[in-house]
Amino acid sequence: MSTITEIPERSGAAFRLAAGQTLTVIDPRGRQVSDLLAYNAEDLDEVLSSGRTLDYAETIYLTTGNLLYSNRSQPMLEIIEDTVGRHDFLLTPCSYDTFHHFYPDLPPHRGCFGNLAEALEPFGIKPDQIPTAFNCFMNVTVDGATGKLDVLPPISTAGDRIVLRAAMDLIVGLTACSAPASNGGSFKPIHYRID
């Protein structure tokens, strides 16, 4: 079995994932979100798309069997195992701006957006190329009558995981989320493994 890599709390990482390889994202302590991005390693203008994915899946609750699509309607990742069943693909990565908006009384943090920007920079990916991420373990509910969104603590427990298989050669960005509400008020690491 391959090595587990830790992403420390409130930080991020980026790496290559070859077609056919699997990425396992693990919540080692429970109730911790991880923002995930993917780019076509051969053409960085092809990137993970929330809109395309939700359109084709016809649901906002993506889980085992669902595909995550690119902005060009090509499958990028397939969810092949999921022990949680609740993730978010609606909300953008947290940033200095979202911290000022939602947490004006807390010290601002660059959040997942800043952590992704730093991690992806060596691959030639600029901040303006960062779209909405697939937020592993994030628990966002939608009121069916009003459309109001609520960010609740994740339902993931220690050791829960989601496993995704790459459909093309990818560059992946992954974080241990920095937003208090998204993680039940505390910050913890994320583990990942490539097989």
Protein backbone atom coordinates (compact mmCIF):
# COMPACT_ATOMS: atom_id res chain seq x y z
CA MET A 1 0.00 0.00 0.00
CA SER A 2 1.25 3.49 -0.82
CA THR A 3 2.23 6.12 1.69
CA ILE A 4 -0.26 8.42 3.38
CA THR A 5 0.65 12.10 3.13
CA GLU A 6 -0.57 14.66 5.66
CA ILE A 7 -1.73 18.15 4.76
CA PRO A 8 -1.35 20.19 7.96
CA GLU A 9 -4.31 22.18 9.22
CA ARG A 10 -5.11 25.35 7.26
CA SER A 11 -2.71 24.52 4.41
CA GLY A 12 -2.69 22.92 0.96
CA ALA A 13 -0.79 20.70 -1.46
CA ALA A 14 -0.66 19.99 -5.20
CA PHE A 15 0.51 16.93 -7.09
CA ARG A 16 0.17 14.93 -10.31
CA LEU A 17 -2.36 12.12 -10.62
CA ALA A 18 -2.07 9.87 -13.66
CA ALA A 19 -5.04 8.47 -15.56
CA GLY A 20 -6.18 5.29 -13.81
CA GLN A 21 -4.63 6.16 -10.47
CA THR A 22 -6.84 6.59 -7.42
CA LEU A 23 -6.76 9.39 -4.90
CA THR A 24 -8.03 8.63 -1.40
CA VAL A 25 -8.86 11.71 0.68
CA ILE A 26 -9.08 10.83 4.38
CA ASP A 27 -10.51 12.83 7.29
CA PRO A 28 -8.25 11.41 10.05
CA ARG A 29 -9.92 13.11 13.02
CA GLY A 30 -13.43 13.83 11.73
CA ARG A 31 -15.37 16.98 10.85
CA GLN A 32 -12.71 18.46 8.57
CA VAL A 33 -13.31 19.72 5.01
CA SER A 34 -10.85 19.35 2.12
CA ASP A 35 -11.16 21.47 -1.04
CA LEU A 36 -10.20 19.55 -4.19
CA LEU A 37 -9.35 20.97 -7.63
CA ALA A 38 -8.26 19.16 -10.79
CA TYR A 39 -6.71 20.39 -14.05
CA ASN A 40 -5.90 18.52 -17.25
CA ALA A 41 -2.14 18.06 -16.92
CA GLU A 42 -1.74 18.53 -20.70
CA ASP A 43 -3.94 21.64 -20.96
CA LEU A 44 -4.46 23.80 -17.86
CA ASP A 45 -7.43 25.57 -19.45
CA GLU A 46 -9.42 22.38 -18.90
CA VAL A 47 -10.46 22.39 -15.25
CA LEU A 48 -12.95 20.81 -12.87
CA SER A 49 -16.42 22.31 -13.34
CA SER A 50 -19.11 22.50 -10.70
CA GLY A 51 -21.73 23.58 -13.25
CA ARG A 52 -21.07 20.78 -15.72
CA THR A 53 -20.87 18.16 -12.98
CA LEU A 54 -24.08 19.14 -11.17
CA ASP A 55 -25.90 19.49 -14.49
CA TYR A 56 -25.02 15.97 -15.62
CA ALA A 57 -25.48 14.36 -12.18
CA GLU A 58 -28.86 16.06 -11.66
CA THR A 59 -28.11 16.25 -7.93
CA ILE A 60 -26.02 18.41 -5.61
CA TYR A 61 -25.20 15.43 -3.38
CA LEU A 62 -22.42 13.64 -5.26
CA THR A 63 -21.26 10.23 -4.05
CA THR A 64 -20.14 6.77 -5.22
CA GLY A 65 -20.73 6.30 -8.95
CA ASN A 66 -20.83 10.01 -9.81
CA LEU A 67 -18.38 11.55 -12.26
CA LEU A 68 -16.74 14.95 -11.79
CA TYR A 69 -16.60 16.72 -15.17
CA SER A 70 -14.39 19.40 -16.68
CA ASN A 71 -15.48 22.70 -18.21
CA ARG A 72 -15.27 20.81 -21.55
CA SER A 73 -17.74 18.14 -20.40
CA GLN A 74 -15.02 15.47 -20.14
CA PRO A 75 -14.91 13.13 -17.12
CA MET A 76 -11.96 14.01 -14.87
CA LEU A 77 -12.60 11.92 -11.77
CA GLU A 78 -14.99 9.13 -10.77
CA ILE A 79 -16.04 8.66 -7.15
CA ILE A 80 -15.50 4.93 -6.58
CA GLU A 81 -15.87 4.81 -2.78
CA ASP A 82 -17.42 7.21 -0.29
CA THR A 83 -17.97 6.52 3.41
CA VAL A 84 -19.61 9.91 4.09
CA GLY A 85 -22.02 10.69 1.24
CA ARG A 86 -22.17 14.42 1.89
CA HIS A 87 -19.87 16.82 0.05
CA ASP A 88 -20.34 20.28 -1.46
CA PHE A 89 -19.81 21.54 -5.03
CA LEU A 90 -21.66 24.87 -4.66
CA LEU A 91 -19.42 27.13 -2.58
CA THR A 92 -16.16 28.74 -3.60
CA PRO A 93 -12.86 28.24 -1.71
CA CYS A 94 -12.61 30.51 1.34
CA SER A 95 -10.27 33.50 0.99
CA TYR A 96 -9.26 36.78 2.63
CA ASP A 97 -12.41 38.29 1.17
CA THR A 98 -14.75 35.60 2.48
CA PHE A 99 -13.10 35.83 5.90
CA HIS A 100 -13.78 39.59 5.95
CA HIS A 101 -17.40 38.90 4.94
CA PHE A 102 -18.26 35.99 7.25
CA TYR A 103 -15.78 36.37 10.12
CA PRO A 104 -15.15 40.13 10.56
CA ASP A 105 -14.18 39.64 14.22
CA LEU A 106 -11.54 36.97 13.51
CA PRO A 107 -8.03 37.49 12.14
CA PRO A 108 -8.31 37.19 8.35
CA HIS A 109 -6.79 34.12 6.70
CA ARG A 110 -5.91 33.48 3.06
CA GLY A 111 -8.02 30.34 3.32
CA CYS A 112 -8.24 27.52 0.81
CA PHE A 113 -8.05 29.93 -2.12
CA GLY A 114 -4.67 31.27 -1.00
CA ASN A 115 -3.41 27.82 -0.07
CA LEU A 116 -4.46 26.41 -3.46
CA ALA A 117 -2.90 29.36 -5.28
CA GLU A 118 0.45 28.79 -3.54
CA ALA A 119 0.40 25.01 -4.04
CA LEU A 120 -0.58 25.21 -7.71
CA GLU A 121 1.80 28.03 -8.68
CA PRO A 122 4.76 25.69 -9.43
CA PHE A 123 2.54 23.97 -12.02
CA GLY A 124 1.92 27.27 -13.82
CA ILE A 125 -1.62 27.74 -12.50
CA LYS A 126 -2.54 31.32 -11.64
CA PRO A 127 -5.08 32.46 -9.00
CA ASP A 128 -7.57 33.55 -11.66
CA GLN A 129 -7.62 29.93 -12.91
CA ILE A 130 -9.04 28.66 -9.59
CA PRO A 131 -12.74 27.77 -9.93
CA THR A 132 -15.24 26.41 -7.42
CA ALA A 133 -13.63 23.41 -5.71
CA PHE A 134 -15.18 20.05 -4.90
CA ASN A 135 -15.39 20.36 -1.12
CA CYS A 136 -14.88 16.89 0.31
CA PHE A 137 -16.81 16.30 3.56
CA MET A 138 -18.40 19.79 3.52
CA ASN A 139 -22.00 19.73 4.76
CA VAL A 140 -24.09 22.39 3.00
CA THR A 141 -27.86 22.19 3.17
CA VAL A 142 -30.33 23.94 0.88
CA ASP A 143 -33.82 24.99 1.97
CA GLY A 144 -36.14 23.61 -0.70
CA ALA A 145 -38.60 26.50 -0.39
CA THR A 146 -36.31 29.52 -0.05
CA GLY A 147 -33.04 28.25 -1.54
CA LYS A 148 -31.16 29.44 1.57
CA LEU A 149 -27.79 27.77 2.08
CA ASP A 150 -26.53 26.72 5.50
CA VAL A 151 -23.00 25.55 6.23
CA LEU A 152 -23.18 22.93 8.97
CA PRO A 153 -20.41 20.89 10.63
CA PRO A 154 -19.30 17.91 8.52
CA ILE A 155 -20.90 14.56 9.31
CA SER A 156 -17.58 12.79 8.67
CA THR A 157 -15.98 10.92 11.55
CA ALA A 158 -12.37 9.92 12.15
CA GLY A 159 -11.09 7.76 9.30
CA ASP A 160 -13.86 8.52 6.81
CA ARG A 161 -12.71 8.78 3.19
CA ILE A 162 -13.64 9.42 -0.39
CA VAL A 163 -11.81 7.61 -3.20
CA LEU A 164 -11.63 9.05 -6.72
CA ARG A 165 -10.18 7.50 -9.88
CA ALA A 166 -8.56 9.78 -12.46
CA ALA A 167 -10.02 9.62 -15.97
CA MET A 168 -7.13 11.65 -17.44
CA ASP A 169 -3.70 12.84 -16.38
CA LEU A 170 -4.35 15.53 -13.78
CA ILE A 171 -2.79 18.16 -11.61
CA VAL A 172 -4.67 18.12 -8.31
CA GLY A 173 -4.89 20.74 -5.59
CA LEU A 174 -6.03 19.67 -2.13
CA THR A 175 -6.42 21.50 1.18
CA ALA A 176 -7.21 21.18 4.85
CA CYS A 177 -9.90 23.87 5.01
CA SER A 178 -9.44 27.06 7.02
CA ALA A 179 -13.03 28.30 7.52
CA PRO A 180 -14.41 27.91 11.08
CA ALA A 181 -18.05 27.19 10.17
CA SER A 182 -17.12 24.57 7.58
CA ASN A 183 -15.20 22.48 10.12
CA GLY A 184 -17.36 22.70 13.23
CA GLY A 185 -15.17 25.43 14.72
CA SER A 186 -11.80 23.65 14.80
CA PHE A 187 -9.02 23.00 12.29
CA LYS A 188 -7.47 19.61 11.66
CA PRO A 189 -5.21 17.96 9.08
CA ILE A 190 -6.26 16.00 6.00
CA HIS A 191 -4.57 12.82 4.79
CA TYR A 192 -4.35 11.57 1.22
CA ARG A 193 -2.96 8.56 -0.59
CA ILE A 194 -2.29 7.85 -4.26
CA ASP A 195 -2.54 4.28 -5.56
